[in-house]
C-alpha cells in the first residue's frame, strides 16, 4: 500500500470517526436552544438521552478518530518527504474536537470547586 493511500484512508477514518460527535453535539445544542425558548416542554429524560448520546459518540470518536489520528501522524512522521497539508489540517481539527469536551469538562469541574 502506498504512503498516499495510507494517509487517504487515515483521513477518511478520522472524518468518519468525528462525524457522529459533531452531529451529537449539534443535536444537543439545538435541544438546549429549544429548551430555552420553550420552557417546561422538555422532560428530564431528554437530558439523560443527551448525556448518553454524548458519551457514546465521544467513545466512538475517540476510538476511530483518535486511532486514525495516531496512525496518520505515525505515517507522516516516518516519511518526512510527504507534503500533506490537508492531512495535517484534518489531524489538528480532529485533535481539537477530541480535546475540547475534556477541556470544557475540566473547566466546569474547576469552577464548581
N, C-alpha and C. Protein backbone atom coordinates (compact mmCIF):
# COMPACT_ATOMS: atom_id res chain seq x y z
N UNK A 1 0.85 -1.17 0.00
CA UNK A 1 0.00 0.00 0.00
C UNK A 1 0.90 1.24 0.00
N UNK A 2 0.59 2.19 -0.86
CA UNK A 2 1.42 3.39 -0.95
C UNK A 2 1.18 4.31 0.24
N UNK A 3 2.11 5.20 0.46
CA UNK A 3 2.00 6.13 1.58
C UNK A 3 0.82 7.08 1.41
N UNK A 4 0.61 7.55 0.18
CA UNK A 4 -0.52 8.45 -0.06
C UNK A 4 -1.85 7.75 0.21
N UNK A 5 -1.94 6.48 -0.15
CA UNK A 5 -3.18 5.73 0.10
C UNK A 5 -3.39 5.54 1.60
N UNK A 6 -2.31 5.26 2.34
CA UNK A 6 -2.43 5.12 3.80
C UNK A 6 -2.94 6.42 4.42
N UNK A 7 -2.39 7.55 3.99
CA UNK A 7 -2.85 8.83 4.52
C UNK A 7 -4.30 9.11 4.12
N UNK A 8 -4.65 8.76 2.89
CA UNK A 8 -6.03 8.97 2.44
C UNK A 8 -7.01 8.16 3.29
N UNK A 9 -6.67 6.90 3.54
CA UNK A 9 -7.53 6.04 4.36
C UNK A 9 -7.61 6.56 5.79
N UNK A 10 -6.48 6.99 6.33
CA UNK A 10 -6.48 7.54 7.69
C UNK A 10 -7.32 8.82 7.76
N UNK A 11 -7.25 9.66 6.74
CA UNK A 11 -8.06 10.89 6.72
C UNK A 11 -9.54 10.56 6.68
N UNK A 12 -9.91 9.60 5.86
CA UNK A 12 -11.32 9.21 5.76
C UNK A 12 -11.80 8.64 7.09
N UNK A 13 -10.99 7.80 7.72
CA UNK A 13 -11.38 7.22 9.00
C UNK A 13 -11.48 8.29 10.09
N UNK A 14 -10.58 9.28 10.07
CA UNK A 14 -10.69 10.37 11.04
C UNK A 14 -11.99 11.13 10.87
N UNK A 15 -12.36 11.42 9.64
CA UNK A 15 -13.60 12.16 9.39
C UNK A 15 -14.83 11.32 9.75
N UNK A 16 -14.80 10.03 9.42
CA UNK A 16 -15.92 9.15 9.78
C UNK A 16 -16.02 9.02 11.30
N UNK A 17 -14.89 8.99 11.98
CA UNK A 17 -14.90 8.87 13.43
C UNK A 17 -15.39 10.12 14.13
N UNK A 18 -15.15 11.27 13.57
CA UNK A 18 -15.50 12.53 14.24
C UNK A 18 -16.91 13.00 13.86
N UNK A 19 -17.45 12.53 12.74
CA UNK A 19 -18.76 12.97 12.28
C UNK A 19 -19.88 12.72 13.28
N UNK A 20 -20.00 11.53 13.90
CA UNK A 20 -21.07 11.34 14.90
C UNK A 20 -20.95 12.28 16.09
N UNK A 21 -19.73 12.60 16.50
CA UNK A 21 -19.55 13.53 17.61
C UNK A 21 -20.03 14.92 17.23
N UNK A 22 -19.71 15.36 16.03
CA UNK A 22 -20.16 16.67 15.57
C UNK A 22 -21.69 16.71 15.49
N UNK A 23 -22.28 15.65 14.94
CA UNK A 23 -23.74 15.59 14.85
C UNK A 23 -24.39 15.52 16.24
N UNK A 24 -23.80 14.75 17.15
CA UNK A 24 -24.32 14.66 18.51
C UNK A 24 -24.25 15.98 19.25
N UNK A 25 -23.14 16.69 19.11
CA UNK A 25 -23.00 17.99 19.77
C UNK A 25 -23.99 18.99 19.18
N UNK A 26 -24.17 18.97 17.86
CA UNK A 26 -25.12 19.91 17.27
C UNK A 26 -26.54 19.57 17.67
N UNK A 27 -26.88 18.29 17.84
CA UNK A 27 -28.20 17.90 18.32
C UNK A 27 -28.42 18.39 19.76
N UNK A 28 -27.40 18.26 20.59
CA UNK A 28 -27.50 18.71 21.98
C UNK A 28 -27.67 20.23 22.04
N UNK A 29 -26.89 20.95 21.24
CA UNK A 29 -27.00 22.41 21.22
C UNK A 29 -28.39 22.83 20.75
N UNK A 30 -28.90 22.17 19.72
CA UNK A 30 -30.24 22.53 19.24
C UNK A 30 -31.30 22.20 20.29
N UNK A 31 -31.13 21.11 21.03
CA UNK A 31 -32.06 20.78 22.11
C UNK A 31 -32.01 21.80 23.23
N UNK A 32 -30.82 22.29 23.56
CA UNK A 32 -30.70 23.31 24.61
C UNK A 32 -31.33 24.62 24.16
N UNK A 33 -31.11 25.00 22.91
CA UNK A 33 -31.72 26.22 22.39
C UNK A 33 -33.25 26.10 22.40
N UNK A 34 -33.77 24.94 22.01
CA UNK A 34 -35.21 24.71 22.02
C UNK A 34 -35.75 24.80 23.45
N UNK A 35 -35.03 24.19 24.40
CA UNK A 35 -35.49 24.20 25.80
C UNK A 35 -35.49 25.61 26.37
N UNK A 36 -34.55 26.46 25.95
CA UNK A 36 -34.53 27.83 26.44
C UNK A 36 -35.69 28.65 25.87
N UNK A 37 -36.10 28.33 24.65
CA UNK A 37 -37.20 29.08 24.04
C UNK A 37 -38.56 28.57 24.50
N UNK A 38 -38.69 27.30 24.80
CA UNK A 38 -39.96 26.70 25.21
C UNK A 38 -39.80 26.10 26.59
N UNK A 39 -39.89 26.92 27.58
CA UNK A 39 -39.65 26.49 28.96
C UNK A 39 -40.74 25.50 29.41
N UNK A 40 -40.30 24.45 30.05
CA UNK A 40 -41.21 23.46 30.62
C UNK A 40 -41.73 22.43 29.65
N UNK A 41 -41.29 22.42 28.40
CA UNK A 41 -41.80 21.45 27.44
C UNK A 41 -40.89 20.26 27.24
N UNK A 42 -39.69 20.30 27.78
CA UNK A 42 -38.79 19.16 27.67
C UNK A 42 -38.77 18.42 29.00
N UNK A 43 -38.81 17.10 28.93
CA UNK A 43 -38.79 16.30 30.15
C UNK A 43 -37.38 16.02 30.62
N UNK A 44 -37.29 15.40 31.79
CA UNK A 44 -35.99 15.07 32.35
C UNK A 44 -35.27 13.96 31.60
N UNK A 45 -36.03 13.11 30.92
CA UNK A 45 -35.41 12.01 30.20
C UNK A 45 -34.60 12.52 29.00
N UNK A 46 -34.96 13.69 28.48
CA UNK A 46 -34.20 14.26 27.36
C UNK A 46 -32.77 14.58 27.77
N UNK A 47 -32.58 15.02 28.99
CA UNK A 47 -31.23 15.32 29.46
C UNK A 47 -30.40 14.05 29.56
N UNK A 48 -31.00 12.97 30.05
CA UNK A 48 -30.27 11.70 30.13
C UNK A 48 -29.95 11.16 28.74
N UNK A 49 -30.87 11.35 27.80
CA UNK A 49 -30.62 10.93 26.43
C UNK A 49 -29.47 11.72 25.82
N UNK A 50 -29.43 13.00 26.09
CA UNK A 50 -28.34 13.83 25.57
C UNK A 50 -27.00 13.40 26.15
N UNK A 51 -26.96 13.10 27.44
CA UNK A 51 -25.73 12.65 28.07
C UNK A 51 -25.29 11.31 27.48
N UNK A 52 -26.24 10.41 27.28
CA UNK A 52 -25.93 9.12 26.68
C UNK A 52 -25.39 9.24 25.26
N UNK A 53 -26.02 10.11 24.47
CA UNK A 53 -25.56 10.33 23.10
C UNK A 53 -24.15 10.89 23.11
N UNK A 54 -23.89 11.82 23.99
CA UNK A 54 -22.56 12.43 24.05
C UNK A 54 -21.50 11.40 24.46
N UNK A 55 -21.81 10.55 25.41
CA UNK A 55 -20.84 9.55 25.86
C UNK A 55 -20.56 8.53 24.75
N UNK A 56 -21.60 8.05 24.10
CA UNK A 56 -21.42 7.04 23.06
C UNK A 56 -20.69 7.62 21.86
N UNK A 57 -21.08 8.81 21.41
CA UNK A 57 -20.42 9.40 20.25
C UNK A 57 -18.99 9.79 20.56
N UNK A 58 -18.73 10.24 21.79
CA UNK A 58 -17.35 10.58 22.15
C UNK A 58 -16.48 9.34 22.19
N UNK A 59 -17.01 8.24 22.73
CA UNK A 59 -16.24 7.00 22.77
C UNK A 59 -15.94 6.51 21.35
N UNK A 60 -16.94 6.58 20.45
CA UNK A 60 -16.73 6.17 19.06
C UNK A 60 -15.69 7.06 18.40
N UNK A 61 -15.80 8.37 18.61
CA UNK A 61 -14.84 9.30 18.02
C UNK A 61 -13.44 9.08 18.58
N UNK A 62 -13.36 8.79 19.85
CA UNK A 62 -12.06 8.56 20.47
C UNK A 62 -11.40 7.30 19.90
N UNK A 63 -12.18 6.25 19.73
CA UNK A 63 -11.62 5.01 19.20
C UNK A 63 -11.26 5.13 17.72
N UNK A 64 -12.20 5.53 16.89
CA UNK A 64 -11.95 5.54 15.46
C UNK A 64 -11.16 6.78 15.03
N UNK A 65 -11.61 7.95 15.45
CA UNK A 65 -10.92 9.18 15.06
C UNK A 65 -9.55 9.31 15.70
N UNK A 66 -9.47 8.97 17.00
CA UNK A 66 -8.19 9.05 17.70
C UNK A 66 -7.18 8.04 17.19
N UNK A 67 -7.65 6.82 16.93
CA UNK A 67 -6.75 5.80 16.38
C UNK A 67 -6.24 6.17 15.00
N UNK A 68 -7.13 6.70 14.18
CA UNK A 68 -6.73 7.14 12.84
C UNK A 68 -5.81 8.34 12.91
N UNK A 69 -6.03 9.21 13.88
CA UNK A 69 -5.16 10.37 14.07
C UNK A 69 -3.74 9.91 14.38
N UNK A 70 -3.62 8.94 15.27
CA UNK A 70 -2.29 8.43 15.62
C UNK A 70 -1.65 7.74 14.42
N UNK A 71 -2.43 6.95 13.69
CA UNK A 71 -1.91 6.26 12.51
C UNK A 71 -1.44 7.26 11.46
N UNK A 72 -2.22 8.30 11.22
CA UNK A 72 -1.83 9.32 10.24
C UNK A 72 -0.56 10.05 10.68
N UNK A 73 -0.47 10.36 11.96
CA UNK A 73 0.72 11.05 12.46
C UNK A 73 1.97 10.17 12.35
N UNK A 74 1.82 8.88 12.61
CA UNK A 74 2.96 7.97 12.51
C UNK A 74 3.42 7.84 11.06
N UNK A 75 2.47 7.71 10.13
CA UNK A 75 2.82 7.60 8.71
C UNK A 75 3.50 8.88 8.23
N UNK A 76 2.99 10.02 8.63
CA UNK A 76 3.59 11.29 8.21
C UNK A 76 4.96 11.50 8.83
N UNK A 77 5.14 11.07 10.07
CA UNK A 77 6.42 11.25 10.74
C UNK A 77 7.50 10.34 10.18
N UNK A 78 7.12 9.10 9.87
CA UNK A 78 8.10 8.16 9.33
C UNK A 78 8.56 8.52 7.93
N UNK A 79 7.74 9.23 7.19
CA UNK A 79 8.05 9.59 5.81
C UNK A 79 8.04 11.11 5.69
N UNK A 80 9.18 11.70 5.98
CA UNK A 80 9.27 13.16 6.02
C UNK A 80 9.09 13.79 4.65
N UNK A 81 9.23 13.03 3.58
CA UNK A 81 9.10 13.58 2.25
C UNK A 81 7.66 13.85 1.83
N UNK A 82 6.70 13.37 2.60
CA UNK A 82 5.29 13.56 2.25
C UNK A 82 4.86 14.96 2.66
N UNK A 83 4.36 15.72 1.72
CA UNK A 83 3.79 17.04 2.00
C UNK A 83 2.28 16.92 1.92
N UNK A 84 1.65 16.68 3.02
CA UNK A 84 0.19 16.50 3.06
C UNK A 84 -0.40 17.55 3.99
N UNK A 85 -0.61 18.73 3.47
CA UNK A 85 -1.15 19.82 4.27
C UNK A 85 -2.58 19.52 4.71
N UNK A 86 -3.36 18.94 3.82
CA UNK A 86 -4.75 18.61 4.16
C UNK A 86 -4.80 17.60 5.30
N UNK A 87 -3.91 16.64 5.27
CA UNK A 87 -3.86 15.64 6.33
C UNK A 87 -3.50 16.28 7.67
N UNK A 88 -2.58 17.22 7.65
CA UNK A 88 -2.19 17.92 8.88
C UNK A 88 -3.35 18.75 9.42
N UNK A 89 -4.09 19.40 8.54
CA UNK A 89 -5.25 20.20 8.97
C UNK A 89 -6.33 19.30 9.57
N UNK A 90 -6.56 18.15 8.95
CA UNK A 90 -7.56 17.21 9.48
C UNK A 90 -7.11 16.68 10.84
N UNK A 91 -5.82 16.37 10.98
CA UNK A 91 -5.30 15.88 12.27
C UNK A 91 -5.49 16.93 13.36
N UNK A 92 -5.20 18.18 13.07
CA UNK A 92 -5.36 19.25 14.06
C UNK A 92 -6.83 19.43 14.42
N UNK A 93 -7.71 19.37 13.42
CA UNK A 93 -9.14 19.52 13.68
C UNK A 93 -9.69 18.39 14.54
N UNK A 94 -9.28 17.16 14.22
CA UNK A 94 -9.74 16.02 15.00
C UNK A 94 -9.19 16.09 16.42
N UNK A 95 -7.94 16.46 16.56
CA UNK A 95 -7.36 16.60 17.91
C UNK A 95 -8.14 17.65 18.70
N UNK A 96 -8.47 18.77 18.08
CA UNK A 96 -9.24 19.81 18.76
C UNK A 96 -10.62 19.30 19.15
N UNK A 97 -11.28 18.58 18.26
CA UNK A 97 -12.62 18.07 18.56
C UNK A 97 -12.59 17.02 19.68
N UNK A 98 -11.51 16.27 19.78
CA UNK A 98 -11.41 15.29 20.85
C UNK A 98 -10.98 15.92 22.17
N UNK A 99 -10.20 16.99 22.11
CA UNK A 99 -9.72 17.64 23.34
C UNK A 99 -10.71 18.64 23.90
N UNK A 100 -11.51 19.27 23.06
CA UNK A 100 -12.41 20.35 23.50
C UNK A 100 -13.41 19.89 24.57
N UNK A 101 -14.09 18.73 24.43
CA UNK A 101 -15.01 18.33 25.50
C UNK A 101 -14.31 18.07 26.83
N UNK A 102 -13.09 17.52 26.78
CA UNK A 102 -12.37 17.27 28.02
C UNK A 102 -11.95 18.57 28.70
N UNK A 103 -11.48 19.52 27.90
CA UNK A 103 -11.09 20.82 28.46
C UNK A 103 -12.31 21.53 29.05
N UNK A 104 -13.44 21.46 28.34
CA UNK A 104 -14.66 22.08 28.84
C UNK A 104 -15.11 21.43 30.14
N UNK A 105 -15.05 20.09 30.19
CA UNK A 105 -15.47 19.37 31.39
C UNK A 105 -14.57 19.71 32.58
N UNK A 106 -13.27 19.72 32.37
CA UNK A 106 -12.37 20.05 33.47
C UNK A 106 -12.52 21.51 33.90
N UNK A 107 -12.76 22.39 32.97
CA UNK A 107 -13.02 23.79 33.32
C UNK A 107 -14.30 23.92 34.13
N UNK A 108 -15.33 23.18 33.76
CA UNK A 108 -16.59 23.19 34.51
C UNK A 108 -16.39 22.61 35.90
N UNK A 109 -15.62 21.53 35.99
CA UNK A 109 -15.36 20.91 37.29
C UNK A 109 -14.57 21.84 38.21
N UNK A 110 -13.63 22.59 37.64
CA UNK A 110 -12.84 23.52 38.46
C UNK A 110 -13.68 24.70 38.94
N UNK A 111 -14.65 25.14 38.17
CA UNK A 111 -15.50 26.25 38.60
C UNK A 111 -16.46 25.82 39.70
N UNK A 112 -16.78 24.54 39.77
CA UNK A 112 -17.69 24.05 40.80
C UNK A 112 -16.99 23.83 42.14
N UNK A 113 -15.66 23.76 42.11
CA UNK A 113 -14.92 23.53 43.37
C UNK A 113 -14.85 24.75 44.20
